[in-house]
Amino acid sequence: MTLPRLPSLRLDGKRALVTGAGRGIGLAAAAGLAQSGAHVVLVARTPAEIQAASAEIRAEGGSAEALVLDVTNLAAVRAAIDAQAPFQVLVNNAGTNRPRTFLEVTEDDYDAIEGLNQRAAFFVAQAVARRMVDAGQGGSIVHMSSQMGHVGGARRTVYCMTKHGIEGLTKAMAIDLAPHGIRVNSIGPTFIDTPLTRPFFEDKAFRDDTLRRIKLGRLGTVEDLMGAVVYLASDAAALVTGTALVVDGGWTAE
């Protein structure tokens, strides 16, 4: 008898691009991919954090470089990606939010959230996918969505709108790109404990309500997402496309 062999979660020889990689979820994604053997290109608008992160990855024996880029500048995005060797993995992570009630949202709020969360995400993915197709090697695109791409939330109308849009984009992209061997999936985190989110949890009522909704009873950590990123990037997910991996501690189960 020959037993089936577990597909590899290793990413040796693959090139991965991670946007919004200077901190939080993006940094964890970059670290996880590098720890799994990929060469990682870390993207952000400001150089300090991604340069420090890529240096730390290299110090640990990984392979990484920093690419300073504003992903909302679509001409710059296309030029930068065209100048790179093709990627086999994209983690489309750059995003933002400005919590407001529906009646308080301004045009500037709308444009800032939609411009980064949807418009930039769409065209970054398009630029990377075109290079994947040209190379004929296939690949994996992972959109960093949110549990709010599956439900609604107070003071998050524009954010929810953009993340629901990312879920639709994921499914439609998966159909268009499957003939090229490119898989497209999303990850939907719950509230993750990062320096950016910690001020929100100084509000006891908000923290208590959040923990009540997360059925496992704790906030997420960036480490909770690293395995999901590596899995979707790897051959272990070779038949997984057009779907959402929701890492929400049970928030959306109710």
Foldseek 3Di string as FASTA:
>chain_A
DDDDDQFDLADAPFEEEFEPQLFFLNVLQQLLNQVSHYAYEYEDQDDPRQQVSQVVSVVVVGHYDYDHDDLLPLVRLLVVQVVDQAGQEYELEDFDADQDAPVPDDPVRLCRHCSRLPVSSVSNVVSNLVNLLVVLPAHEYEYAAAVLLVPPDGSQVSNSVSRVVVLVVQQVVQVVCVVSNYAGEYEHEAAEDTPVCVVVVVPVVVVVVSLVLQQQRDHHYSNLCSVVSSCRGGCSCSVDHSYYHYHYNRNPVD
